[in-house]
Amino acid sequence: MLARVAYLVSGAAIAAAAYAATIKAELGLGPLFVVQEGIAGHLDITIGRSVMIVGSSLCVIAMAMRQWPGVGTVTLPFLMGAMVDAMLPHTPTPGGIPLRLAVVVVGTFVMALGGALIISSRLGAGAPDLVMLALSRVTRFNNRQVRLALEAGWLFAGWLLGGAVGIGSVITGLMIGPMLHFWIERLHSEPVEQEHVVV
């Protein structure tokens, strides 16, 4: 259990650092991150507190649809939120479009490593994934179809809320899935069941 907790905490720290870097790049965020930023702006709170609010809300929605969270599922939004708030003020702002694009690409690659480590903890799927699994069960659409619909809905909602949408949103959206599987294949000797993590 100690090793599993270590995987969860280290994965959260890596993902939070990468998230902070993509925020500082100012080229647009991934779909759920756009929602978090939009809510932070409207409520005049930090992005970390918004991470906590969004993650907790998704846990409640999943439980309302009888998809039960693990310990890691409940803990992760608060852990990530606190880490993002701690790291963001100390994260430098890159200069120039080429460097900012590089930060988004590398940040997404590193964020996927954090997600893979969180999955390795086997302490529960991410809250967005519980919602995806619940909706797949209720609607009878497959996970991929539901995930695409959720990502599109989050991006649109985040844009309406004033979150940052841009080329970075496209890069993160296209890269995060394949990069997560890239890291999972290198960290696991056997397949991991239905635990795709998005913070």
N, C-alpha and C. Protein backbone atom coordinates (compact mmCIF):
# COMPACT_ATOMS: atom_id res chain seq x y z
N MET A 1 0.83 -1.21 0.00
CA MET A 1 0.00 0.00 0.00
C MET A 1 0.86 1.26 0.00
N LEU A 2 1.99 1.21 0.73
CA LEU A 2 2.88 2.38 0.77
C LEU A 2 3.40 2.70 -0.62
N ALA A 3 3.75 1.65 -1.38
CA ALA A 3 4.24 1.86 -2.75
C ALA A 3 3.14 2.43 -3.63
N ARG A 4 1.92 1.98 -3.43
CA ARG A 4 0.81 2.48 -4.24
C ARG A 4 0.53 3.95 -3.94
N VAL A 5 0.62 4.33 -2.69
CA VAL A 5 0.45 5.74 -2.32
C VAL A 5 1.58 6.58 -2.91
N ALA A 6 2.80 6.02 -2.90
CA ALA A 6 3.94 6.74 -3.48
C ALA A 6 3.73 6.98 -4.97
N TYR A 7 3.20 5.99 -5.67
CA TYR A 7 2.89 6.16 -7.10
C TYR A 7 1.85 7.27 -7.29
N LEU A 8 0.82 7.27 -6.45
CA LEU A 8 -0.24 8.28 -6.57
C LEU A 8 0.31 9.68 -6.35
N VAL A 9 1.08 9.86 -5.28
CA VAL A 9 1.60 11.19 -4.94
C VAL A 9 2.62 11.67 -5.97
N SER A 10 3.53 10.78 -6.38
CA SER A 10 4.54 11.18 -7.37
C SER A 10 3.89 11.48 -8.71
N GLY A 11 2.89 10.68 -9.09
CA GLY A 11 2.18 10.93 -10.34
C GLY A 11 1.44 12.24 -10.31
N ALA A 12 0.81 12.55 -9.17
CA ALA A 12 0.09 13.82 -9.02
C ALA A 12 1.06 14.99 -9.10
N ALA A 13 2.23 14.85 -8.48
CA ALA A 13 3.21 15.94 -8.50
C ALA A 13 3.72 16.20 -9.92
N ILE A 14 4.01 15.13 -10.65
CA ILE A 14 4.49 15.28 -12.03
C ILE A 14 3.42 15.90 -12.91
N ALA A 15 2.18 15.41 -12.78
CA ALA A 15 1.09 15.94 -13.59
C ALA A 15 0.81 17.41 -13.24
N ALA A 16 0.88 17.75 -11.95
CA ALA A 16 0.63 19.13 -11.53
C ALA A 16 1.69 20.08 -12.08
N ALA A 17 2.96 19.65 -12.07
CA ALA A 17 4.04 20.47 -12.61
C ALA A 17 3.84 20.70 -14.11
N ALA A 18 3.44 19.64 -14.82
CA ALA A 18 3.20 19.76 -16.26
C ALA A 18 2.00 20.67 -16.54
N TYR A 19 0.96 20.54 -15.73
CA TYR A 19 -0.23 21.39 -15.86
C TYR A 19 0.14 22.85 -15.67
N ALA A 20 0.93 23.13 -14.64
CA ALA A 20 1.37 24.50 -14.38
C ALA A 20 2.16 25.06 -15.56
N ALA A 21 3.01 24.23 -16.15
CA ALA A 21 3.81 24.67 -17.30
C ALA A 21 2.93 25.00 -18.50
N THR A 22 1.90 24.18 -18.75
CA THR A 22 1.01 24.46 -19.89
C THR A 22 0.16 25.70 -19.65
N ILE A 23 -0.18 25.97 -18.40
CA ILE A 23 -0.90 27.20 -18.08
C ILE A 23 -0.03 28.42 -18.41
N LYS A 24 1.23 28.35 -18.01
CA LYS A 24 2.15 29.46 -18.23
C LYS A 24 2.46 29.67 -19.71
N ALA A 25 2.32 28.61 -20.52
CA ALA A 25 2.58 28.74 -21.96
C ALA A 25 1.54 29.62 -22.65
N GLU A 26 0.35 29.70 -22.07
CA GLU A 26 -0.71 30.59 -22.56
C GLU A 26 -1.07 30.35 -24.03
N LEU A 27 -1.18 29.07 -24.40
CA LEU A 27 -1.58 28.73 -25.77
C LEU A 27 -2.89 27.94 -25.78
N GLY A 28 -3.55 27.86 -24.66
CA GLY A 28 -4.78 27.08 -24.56
C GLY A 28 -4.55 25.81 -23.77
N LEU A 29 -5.59 25.35 -23.09
CA LEU A 29 -5.48 24.19 -22.21
C LEU A 29 -6.34 23.04 -22.72
N GLY A 30 -6.10 21.86 -22.15
CA GLY A 30 -6.91 20.71 -22.48
C GLY A 30 -8.37 20.92 -22.06
N PRO A 31 -9.31 20.14 -22.60
CA PRO A 31 -10.75 20.38 -22.40
C PRO A 31 -11.18 20.57 -20.94
N LEU A 32 -10.85 19.65 -20.06
CA LEU A 32 -11.29 19.78 -18.68
C LEU A 32 -10.54 20.91 -17.98
N PHE A 33 -9.30 21.15 -18.37
CA PHE A 33 -8.53 22.25 -17.79
C PHE A 33 -9.16 23.60 -18.15
N VAL A 34 -9.73 23.69 -19.35
CA VAL A 34 -10.40 24.92 -19.77
C VAL A 34 -11.59 25.20 -18.85
N VAL A 35 -12.32 24.15 -18.49
CA VAL A 35 -13.44 24.31 -17.56
C VAL A 35 -12.94 24.80 -16.20
N GLN A 36 -11.87 24.18 -15.72
CA GLN A 36 -11.31 24.57 -14.42
C GLN A 36 -10.87 26.03 -14.42
N GLU A 37 -10.23 26.46 -15.50
CA GLU A 37 -9.79 27.85 -15.58
C GLU A 37 -10.98 28.80 -15.66
N GLY A 38 -11.99 28.42 -16.44
CA GLY A 38 -13.17 29.26 -16.55
C GLY A 38 -13.89 29.43 -15.23
N ILE A 39 -14.03 28.34 -14.48
CA ILE A 39 -14.69 28.40 -13.17
C ILE A 39 -13.86 29.24 -12.21
N ALA A 40 -12.54 29.08 -12.26
CA ALA A 40 -11.65 29.87 -11.39
C ALA A 40 -11.85 31.37 -11.64
N GLY A 41 -11.97 31.75 -12.90
CA GLY A 41 -12.16 33.15 -13.23
C GLY A 41 -13.49 33.69 -12.75
N HIS A 42 -14.55 32.90 -12.91
CA HIS A 42 -15.89 33.36 -12.52
C HIS A 42 -16.06 33.43 -11.01
N LEU A 43 -15.43 32.50 -10.29
CA LEU A 43 -15.58 32.47 -8.84
C LEU A 43 -14.48 33.26 -8.13
N ASP A 44 -13.53 33.77 -8.91
CA ASP A 44 -12.40 34.51 -8.37
C ASP A 44 -11.64 33.68 -7.33
N ILE A 45 -11.31 32.46 -7.72
CA ILE A 45 -10.55 31.56 -6.86
C ILE A 45 -9.32 31.10 -7.63
N THR A 46 -8.42 30.41 -6.95
CA THR A 46 -7.23 29.90 -7.62
C THR A 46 -7.60 28.73 -8.52
N ILE A 47 -6.73 28.44 -9.48
CA ILE A 47 -6.97 27.31 -10.37
C ILE A 47 -6.96 25.99 -9.59
N GLY A 48 -6.12 25.93 -8.55
CA GLY A 48 -6.08 24.72 -7.73
C GLY A 48 -7.39 24.45 -7.02
N ARG A 49 -8.02 25.50 -6.49
CA ARG A 49 -9.32 25.31 -5.84
C ARG A 49 -10.38 24.91 -6.85
N SER A 50 -10.25 25.42 -8.06
CA SER A 50 -11.18 25.02 -9.11
C SER A 50 -11.00 23.54 -9.45
N VAL A 51 -9.74 23.07 -9.47
CA VAL A 51 -9.47 21.65 -9.69
C VAL A 51 -10.20 20.81 -8.64
N MET A 52 -10.14 21.27 -7.39
CA MET A 52 -10.81 20.55 -6.30
C MET A 52 -12.32 20.52 -6.50
N ILE A 53 -12.89 21.66 -6.87
CA ILE A 53 -14.34 21.77 -7.05
C ILE A 53 -14.82 20.88 -8.21
N VAL A 54 -14.12 20.97 -9.34
CA VAL A 54 -14.52 20.19 -10.51
C VAL A 54 -14.38 18.70 -10.25
N GLY A 55 -13.23 18.29 -9.67
CA GLY A 55 -13.01 16.88 -9.38
C GLY A 55 -14.03 16.32 -8.41
N SER A 56 -14.33 17.07 -7.35
CA SER A 56 -15.31 16.62 -6.36
C SER A 56 -16.70 16.53 -6.98
N SER A 57 -17.04 17.50 -7.81
CA SER A 57 -18.36 17.49 -8.46
C SER A 57 -18.51 16.28 -9.37
N LEU A 58 -17.45 15.95 -10.10
CA LEU A 58 -17.51 14.77 -10.97
C LEU A 58 -17.64 13.49 -10.18
N CYS A 59 -16.99 13.43 -9.00
CA CYS A 59 -17.15 12.27 -8.12
C CYS A 59 -18.61 12.11 -7.70
N VAL A 60 -19.25 13.22 -7.33
CA VAL A 60 -20.65 13.19 -6.90
C VAL A 60 -21.54 12.75 -8.06
N ILE A 61 -21.27 13.27 -9.27
CA ILE A 61 -22.07 12.89 -10.44
C ILE A 61 -21.92 11.40 -10.72
N ALA A 62 -20.69 10.90 -10.64
CA ALA A 62 -20.45 9.47 -10.88
C ALA A 62 -21.19 8.61 -9.85
N MET A 63 -21.12 9.01 -8.58
CA MET A 63 -21.80 8.24 -7.54
C MET A 63 -23.31 8.28 -7.72
N ALA A 64 -23.82 9.42 -8.21
CA ALA A 64 -25.26 9.51 -8.46
C ALA A 64 -25.70 8.52 -9.53
N MET A 65 -24.75 8.14 -10.40
CA MET A 65 -25.03 7.14 -11.44
C MET A 65 -24.51 5.77 -11.04
N ARG A 66 -24.24 5.59 -9.75
CA ARG A 66 -23.82 4.30 -9.18
C ARG A 66 -22.48 3.80 -9.71
N GLN A 67 -21.56 4.73 -9.93
CA GLN A 67 -20.19 4.37 -10.29
C GLN A 67 -19.33 4.82 -9.11
N TRP A 68 -18.79 3.87 -8.35
CA TRP A 68 -18.20 4.20 -7.06
C TRP A 68 -16.72 4.51 -7.16
N PRO A 69 -16.28 5.60 -6.52
CA PRO A 69 -14.88 6.01 -6.57
C PRO A 69 -14.00 5.20 -5.63
N GLY A 70 -12.70 5.17 -5.93
CA GLY A 70 -11.73 4.60 -5.02
C GLY A 70 -11.13 5.70 -4.15
N VAL A 71 -10.24 5.30 -3.26
CA VAL A 71 -9.59 6.27 -2.38
C VAL A 71 -8.82 7.31 -3.20
N GLY A 72 -8.12 6.84 -4.23
CA GLY A 72 -7.35 7.74 -5.07
C GLY A 72 -8.24 8.71 -5.84
N THR A 73 -9.40 8.24 -6.25
CA THR A 73 -10.35 9.09 -6.99
C THR A 73 -10.76 10.30 -6.17
N VAL A 74 -11.07 10.06 -4.90
CA VAL A 74 -11.53 11.13 -4.01
C VAL A 74 -10.38 12.04 -3.60
N THR A 75 -9.21 11.44 -3.41
CA THR A 75 -8.05 12.20 -2.92
C THR A 75 -7.41 13.06 -4.00
N LEU A 76 -7.39 12.55 -5.23
CA LEU A 76 -6.62 13.17 -6.30
C LEU A 76 -6.96 14.64 -6.58
N PRO A 77 -8.24 15.04 -6.67
CA PRO A 77 -8.53 16.46 -6.95
C PRO A 77 -7.92 17.40 -5.91
N PHE A 78 -7.97 17.01 -4.64
CA PHE A 78 -7.44 17.87 -3.57
C PHE A 78 -5.91 17.88 -3.60
N LEU A 79 -5.33 16.72 -3.88
CA LEU A 79 -3.88 16.63 -3.97
C LEU A 79 -3.37 17.44 -5.15
N MET A 80 -3.98 17.26 -6.31
CA MET A 80 -3.58 17.99 -7.51
C MET A 80 -3.82 19.49 -7.35
N GLY A 81 -4.97 19.85 -6.80
CA GLY A 81 -5.28 21.27 -6.64
C GLY A 81 -4.27 21.98 -5.76
N ALA A 82 -3.93 21.35 -4.64
CA ALA A 82 -2.95 21.95 -3.74
C ALA A 82 -1.58 22.06 -4.40
N MET A 83 -1.21 21.05 -5.16
CA MET A 83 0.10 21.06 -5.82
C MET A 83 0.17 22.11 -6.92
N VAL A 84 -0.88 22.24 -7.70
CA VAL A 84 -0.90 23.24 -8.77
C VAL A 84 -0.78 24.64 -8.18
N ASP A 85 -1.52 24.91 -7.12
CA ASP A 85 -1.44 26.23 -6.48
C ASP A 85 -0.05 26.50 -5.91
N ALA A 86 0.60 25.46 -5.40
CA ALA A 86 1.94 25.62 -4.84
C ALA A 86 2.99 25.84 -5.92
N MET A 87 2.81 25.17 -7.07
CA MET A 87 3.82 25.22 -8.13
C MET A 87 3.67 26.39 -9.08
N LEU A 88 2.44 26.80 -9.33
CA LEU A 88 2.18 27.79 -10.38
C LEU A 88 2.95 29.11 -10.18
N PRO A 89 2.99 29.67 -8.96
CA PRO A 89 3.73 30.93 -8.79
C PRO A 89 5.23 30.82 -9.06
N HIS A 90 5.77 29.60 -8.98
CA HIS A 90 7.21 29.40 -9.16
C HIS A 90 7.55 28.84 -10.55
N THR A 91 6.53 28.71 -11.40
CA THR A 91 6.75 28.19 -12.75
C THR A 91 7.03 29.35 -13.70
N PRO A 92 8.17 29.34 -14.39
CA PRO A 92 8.50 30.46 -15.27
C PRO A 92 7.59 30.51 -16.50
N THR A 93 7.43 31.72 -17.03
CA THR A 93 6.65 31.92 -18.25
C THR A 93 7.59 31.87 -19.45
N PRO A 94 7.39 30.93 -20.37
CA PRO A 94 8.28 30.84 -21.53
C PRO A 94 8.06 32.00 -22.50
N GLY A 95 9.11 32.40 -23.19
CA GLY A 95 9.00 33.50 -24.15
C GLY A 95 9.09 33.01 -25.58
N GLY A 96 8.30 33.60 -26.46
CA GLY A 96 8.35 33.23 -27.87
C GLY A 96 7.47 32.04 -28.19
N ILE A 97 6.81 32.09 -29.33
CA ILE A 97 5.88 31.03 -29.73
C ILE A 97 6.55 29.66 -29.83
N PRO A 98 7.74 29.53 -30.48
CA PRO A 98 8.36 28.20 -30.57
C PRO A 98 8.60 27.56 -29.20
N LEU A 99 9.10 28.34 -28.24
CA LEU A 99 9.36 27.80 -26.91
C LEU A 99 8.06 27.45 -26.20
N ARG A 100 7.05 28.28 -26.38
CA ARG A 100 5.76 28.00 -25.74
C ARG A 100 5.12 26.74 -26.31
N LEU A 101 5.24 26.56 -27.64
CA LEU A 101 4.74 25.32 -28.26
C LEU A 101 5.49 24.10 -27.72
N ALA A 102 6.81 24.25 -27.58
CA ALA A 102 7.62 23.15 -27.05
C ALA A 102 7.20 22.81 -25.62
N VAL A 103 6.90 23.83 -24.83
CA VAL A 103 6.46 23.61 -23.45
C VAL A 103 5.15 22.82 -23.42
N VAL A 104 4.22 23.16 -24.31
CA VAL A 104 2.94 22.44 -24.36
C VAL A 104 3.15 20.99 -24.75
N VAL A 105 3.98 20.75 -25.77
CA VAL A 105 4.23 19.38 -26.23
C VAL A 105 4.92 18.56 -25.15
N VAL A 106 6.01 19.09 -24.60
CA VAL A 106 6.74 18.37 -23.56
C VAL A 106 5.89 18.24 -22.30
N GLY A 107 5.16 19.32 -21.98
CA GLY A 107 4.30 19.28 -20.80
C GLY A 107 3.23 18.20 -20.90
N THR A 108 2.66 18.03 -22.08
CA THR A 108 1.64 17.00 -22.28
C THR A 108 2.26 15.61 -22.16
N PHE A 109 3.46 15.45 -22.71
CA PHE A 109 4.17 14.17 -22.62
C PHE A 109 4.45 13.82 -21.15
N VAL A 110 4.90 14.80 -20.39
CA VAL A 110 5.21 14.59 -18.97
C VAL A 110 3.92 14.38 -18.17
N MET A 111 2.87 15.12 -18.52
CA MET A 111 1.59 14.96 -17.84
C MET A 111 1.07 13.54 -17.99
N ALA A 112 1.28 12.96 -19.17
CA ALA A 112 0.86 11.58 -19.40
C ALA A 112 1.63 10.61 -18.51
N LEU A 113 2.91 10.90 -18.27
CA LEU A 113 3.69 10.07 -17.35
C LEU A 113 3.07 10.14 -15.95
N GLY A 114 2.72 11.34 -15.52
CA GLY A 114 2.06 11.48 -14.22
C GLY A 114 0.78 10.67 -14.16
N GLY A 115 -0.02 10.74 -15.23
CA GLY A 115 -1.25 9.96 -15.28
C GLY A 115 -1.00 8.47 -15.21
N ALA A 116 0.03 8.00 -15.90
CA ALA A 116 0.36 6.58 -15.90
C ALA A 116 0.79 6.12 -14.50
N LEU A 117 1.53 6.97 -13.79
CA LEU A 117 1.93 6.63 -12.43
C LEU A 117 0.72 6.58 -11.50
N ILE A 118 -0.22 7.50 -11.71
CA ILE A 118 -1.46 7.47 -10.92
C ILE A 118 -2.21 6.17 -11.17
N ILE A 119 -2.28 5.77 -12.43
CA ILE A 119 -2.93 4.51 -12.77
C ILE A 119 -2.22 3.35 -12.09
N SER A 120 -0.88 3.43 -12.03
CA SER A 120 -0.09 2.36 -11.42
C SER A 120 -0.41 2.17 -9.94
N SER A 121 -0.90 3.23 -9.31
CA SER A 121 -1.25 3.11 -7.89
C SER A 121 -2.43 2.18 -7.67
N ARG A 122 -3.27 2.04 -8.69
CA ARG A 122 -4.46 1.19 -8.61
C ARG A 122 -5.33 1.54 -7.39
N LEU A 123 -5.46 2.84 -7.15
CA LEU A 123 -6.28 3.31 -6.03
C LEU A 123 -7.57 3.96 -6.51
N GLY A 124 -7.90 3.74 -7.77
CA GLY A 124 -9.16 4.26 -8.30
C GLY A 124 -8.95 5.07 -9.56
N ALA A 125 -9.87 4.96 -10.47
CA ALA A 125 -9.82 5.74 -11.71
C ALA A 125 -10.08 7.21 -11.41
N GLY A 126 -9.68 8.07 -12.34
CA GLY A 126 -9.93 9.50 -12.18
C GLY A 126 -11.43 9.79 -12.22
N ALA A 127 -11.83 10.87 -11.56
CA ALA A 127 -13.26 11.22 -11.51
C ALA A 127 -13.89 11.38 -12.89
N PRO A 128 -13.20 12.04 -13.87
CA PRO A 128 -13.81 12.13 -15.20
C PRO A 128 -14.04 10.77 -15.83
N ASP A 129 -13.17 9.82 -15.51
CA ASP A 129 -13.31 8.49 -16.09
C ASP A 129 -14.46 7.72 -15.47
N LEU A 130 -14.73 7.97 -14.20
CA LEU A 130 -15.90 7.35 -13.58
C LEU A 130 -17.18 7.85 -14.24
N VAL A 131 -17.23 9.14 -14.55
CA VAL A 131 -18.39 9.70 -15.24
C VAL A 131 -18.52 9.06 -16.62
N MET A 132 -17.38 8.91 -17.32
CA MET A 132 -17.39 8.28 -18.63
C MET A 132 -17.93 6.86 -18.55
N LEU A 133 -17.45 6.07 -17.58
CA LEU A 133 -17.89 4.69 -17.44
C LEU A 133 -19.37 4.61 -17.10
N ALA A 134 -19.82 5.52 -16.23
CA ALA A 134 -21.24 5.54 -15.86
C ALA A 134 -22.11 5.87 -17.06
N LEU A 135 -21.71 6.88 -17.83
CA LEU A 135 -22.49 7.26 -19.01
C LEU A 135 -22.48 6.16 -20.07
N SER A 136 -21.36 5.47 -20.20
CA SER A 136 -21.29 4.36 -21.15
C SER A 136 -22.28 3.27 -20.78
N ARG A 137 -22.38 3.00 -19.48
CA ARG A 137 -23.30 1.97 -19.01
C ARG A 137 -24.75 2.40 -19.21
N VAL A 138 -25.04 3.66 -18.93
CA VAL A 138 -26.42 4.16 -19.02
C VAL A 138 -26.87 4.32 -20.46
N THR A 139 -26.00 4.87 -21.32
CA THR A 139 -26.38 5.18 -22.70
C THR A 139 -26.14 4.03 -23.66
N ARG A 140 -25.28 3.06 -23.23
CA ARG A 140 -24.89 1.92 -24.05
C ARG A 140 -23.97 2.29 -25.22
N PHE A 141 -23.47 3.52 -25.22
CA PHE A 141 -22.42 3.89 -26.17
C PHE A 141 -21.09 3.41 -25.60
N ASN A 142 -20.11 3.16 -26.51
CA ASN A 142 -18.83 2.68 -25.99
C ASN A 142 -18.04 3.81 -25.34
N ASN A 143 -16.99 3.43 -24.61
CA ASN A 143 -16.20 4.40 -23.85
C ASN A 143 -15.60 5.48 -24.73
N ARG A 144 -15.11 5.09 -25.91
CA ARG A 144 -14.47 6.06 -26.79
C ARG A 144 -15.47 7.13 -27.25
N GLN A 145 -16.68 6.69 -27.63
CA GLN A 145 -17.70 7.64 -28.08
C GLN A 145 -18.10 8.60 -26.95
N VAL A 146 -18.28 8.05 -25.76
CA VAL A 146 -18.66 8.88 -24.62
C VAL A 146 -17.54 9.83 -24.26
N ARG A 147 -16.28 9.37 -24.29
CA ARG A 147 -15.16 10.23 -23.96
C ARG A 147 -15.05 11.40 -24.94
N LEU A 148 -15.22 11.12 -26.24
CA LEU A 148 -15.16 12.18 -27.23
C LEU A 148 -16.26 13.22 -26.99
N ALA A 149 -17.46 12.73 -26.67
CA ALA A 149 -18.57 13.64 -26.40
C ALA A 149 -18.29 14.49 -25.16
N LEU A 150 -17.74 13.86 -24.12
CA LEU A 150 -17.41 14.60 -22.90
C LEU A 150 -16.34 15.65 -23.16
N GLU A 151 -15.29 15.26 -23.89
CA GLU A 151 -14.20 16.19 -24.18
C GLU A 151 -14.72 17.40 -24.96
N ALA A 152 -15.57 17.13 -25.95
CA ALA A 152 -16.14 18.24 -26.73
C ALA A 152 -17.03 19.12 -25.86
N GLY A 153 -17.82 18.49 -25.00
CA GLY A 153 -18.69 19.26 -24.10
C GLY A 153 -17.90 20.10 -23.12
N TRP A 154 -16.85 19.53 -22.55
CA TRP A 154 -16.01 20.28 -21.61
C TRP A 154 -15.33 21.46 -22.30
N LEU A 155 -14.83 21.21 -23.51
CA LEU A 155 -14.15 22.29 -24.23
C LEU A 155 -15.11 23.44 -24.53
N PHE A 156 -16.32 23.10 -24.96
CA PHE A 156 -17.31 24.14 -25.27
C PHE A 156 -17.73 24.88 -24.01
N ALA A 157 -17.99 24.13 -22.94
CA ALA A 157 -18.39 24.75 -21.68
C ALA A 157 -17.28 25.64 -21.14
N GLY A 158 -16.04 25.16 -21.23
CA GLY A 158 -14.91 25.95 -20.76
C GLY A 158 -14.74 27.22 -21.55
N TRP A 159 -14.97 27.14 -22.86
CA TRP A 159 -14.89 28.32 -23.72
C TRP A 159 -15.96 29.34 -23.34
N LEU A 160 -17.19 28.85 -23.09
CA LEU A 160 -18.27 29.74 -22.67
C LEU A 160 -17.95 30.42 -21.34
N LEU A 161 -17.22 29.70 -20.47
CA LEU A 161 -16.87 30.24 -19.17
C LEU A 161 -15.66 31.19 -19.23
N GLY A 162 -15.05 31.27 -20.40
CA GLY A 162 -13.91 32.17 -20.56
C GLY A 162 -12.56 31.51 -20.36
N GLY A 163 -12.53 30.17 -20.35
CA GLY A 163 -11.25 29.46 -20.24
C GLY A 163 -10.43 29.61 -21.50
N ALA A 164 -9.13 29.35 -21.37
CA ALA A 164 -8.20 29.54 -22.49
C ALA A 164 -8.28 28.39 -23.48
N VAL A 165 -8.77 28.69 -24.69
CA VAL A 165 -8.85 27.72 -25.78
C VAL A 165 -7.92 28.19 -26.90
N GLY A 166 -7.09 27.29 -27.43
CA GLY A 166 -6.16 27.67 -28.48
C GLY A 166 -5.46 26.46 -29.04
N ILE A 167 -4.36 26.69 -29.71
CA ILE A 167 -3.61 25.59 -30.32
C ILE A 167 -3.13 24.60 -29.27
N GLY A 168 -2.87 25.10 -28.05
CA GLY A 168 -2.47 24.20 -26.97
C GLY A 168 -3.55 23.20 -26.62
N SER A 169 -4.83 23.63 -26.75
CA SER A 169 -5.96 22.73 -26.49
C SER A 169 -5.95 21.57 -27.49
N VAL A 170 -5.66 21.89 -28.75
CA VAL A 170 -5.61 20.87 -29.80
C VAL A 170 -4.44 19.91 -29.56
N ILE A 171 -3.28 20.46 -29.25
CA ILE A 171 -2.09 19.64 -29.01
C ILE A 171 -2.33 18.69 -27.84
N THR A 172 -2.82 19.23 -26.73
CA THR A 172 -3.06 18.39 -25.55
C THR A 172 -4.14 17.35 -25.83
N GLY A 173 -5.21 17.77 -26.49
CA GLY A 173 -6.30 16.85 -26.80
C GLY A 173 -5.86 15.69 -27.67
N LEU A 174 -4.99 15.96 -28.66
CA LEU A 174 -4.53 14.91 -29.57
C LEU A 174 -3.46 14.02 -28.95
N MET A 175 -2.63 14.61 -28.09
CA MET A 175 -1.47 13.88 -27.57
C MET A 175 -1.74 13.06 -26.32
N ILE A 176 -2.60 13.53 -25.44
CA ILE A 176 -2.68 12.96 -24.10
C ILE A 176 -3.05 11.48 -24.10
N GLY A 177 -3.99 11.07 -24.93
CA GLY A 177 -4.40 9.67 -24.97
C GLY A 177 -3.27 8.75 -25.43
N PRO A 178 -2.70 8.99 -26.63
CA PRO A 178 -1.59 8.14 -27.09
C PRO A 178 -0.39 8.15 -26.16
N MET A 179 -0.06 9.31 -25.59
CA MET A 179 1.09 9.38 -24.68
C MET A 179 0.83 8.64 -23.37
N LEU A 180 -0.41 8.68 -22.90
CA LEU A 180 -0.75 7.93 -21.70
C LEU A 180 -0.57 6.44 -21.94
N HIS A 181 -1.04 5.95 -23.09
CA HIS A 181 -0.86 4.53 -23.40
C HIS A 181 0.61 4.19 -23.60
N PHE A 182 1.38 5.12 -24.16
CA PHE A 182 2.83 4.93 -24.32
C PHE A 182 3.48 4.65 -22.97
N TRP A 183 3.14 5.48 -21.97
CA TRP A 183 3.75 5.30 -20.64
C TRP A 183 3.20 4.07 -19.93
N ILE A 184 1.92 3.79 -20.09
CA ILE A 184 1.33 2.62 -19.44
C ILE A 184 2.01 1.35 -19.91
N GLU A 185 2.28 1.26 -21.21
CA GLU A 185 2.94 0.07 -21.76
C GLU A 185 4.33 -0.12 -21.18
N ARG A 186 4.98 0.97 -20.79
CA ARG A 186 6.33 0.87 -20.25
C ARG A 186 6.35 0.68 -18.75
N LEU A 187 5.27 1.00 -18.08
CA LEU A 187 5.20 0.84 -16.63
C LEU A 187 4.53 -0.44 -16.20
N HIS A 188 3.78 -1.07 -17.10
CA HIS A 188 3.01 -2.26 -16.75
C HIS A 188 3.40 -3.45 -17.63
N SER A 189 3.52 -4.58 -16.98
CA SER A 189 3.77 -5.81 -17.72
C SER A 189 2.48 -6.47 -18.15
N GLU A 190 1.35 -6.00 -17.60
CA GLU A 190 0.04 -6.53 -17.98
C GLU A 190 -0.93 -5.37 -18.17
N PRO A 191 -1.98 -5.56 -18.98
CA PRO A 191 -2.91 -4.46 -19.27
C PRO A 191 -3.59 -3.94 -18.01
N VAL A 192 -3.92 -2.66 -18.06
CA VAL A 192 -4.67 -2.02 -16.97
C VAL A 192 -6.10 -1.85 -17.45
N GLU A 193 -7.05 -2.24 -16.64
CA GLU A 193 -8.45 -2.24 -17.06
C GLU A 193 -9.10 -0.88 -16.85
N GLN A 194 -9.59 -0.29 -17.94
CA GLN A 194 -10.48 0.85 -17.95
C GLN A 194 -10.12 1.96 -16.96
N GLU A 195 -8.86 2.26 -16.85
CA GLU A 195 -8.47 3.32 -15.92
C GLU A 195 -7.71 4.39 -16.67
N HIS A 196 -8.42 5.11 -17.48
CA HIS A 196 -7.83 6.22 -18.21
C HIS A 196 -8.00 7.49 -17.37
N VAL A 197 -6.89 8.13 -17.02
CA VAL A 197 -6.95 9.24 -16.09
C VAL A 197 -6.86 10.56 -16.81
N VAL A 198 -7.79 11.51 -16.51
CA VAL A 198 -7.70 12.89 -16.92
C VAL A 198 -7.89 13.73 -15.67
N VAL A 199 -6.93 14.75 -15.14
CA VAL A 199 -7.02 15.54 -13.94
C VAL A 199 -7.92 16.73 -14.15
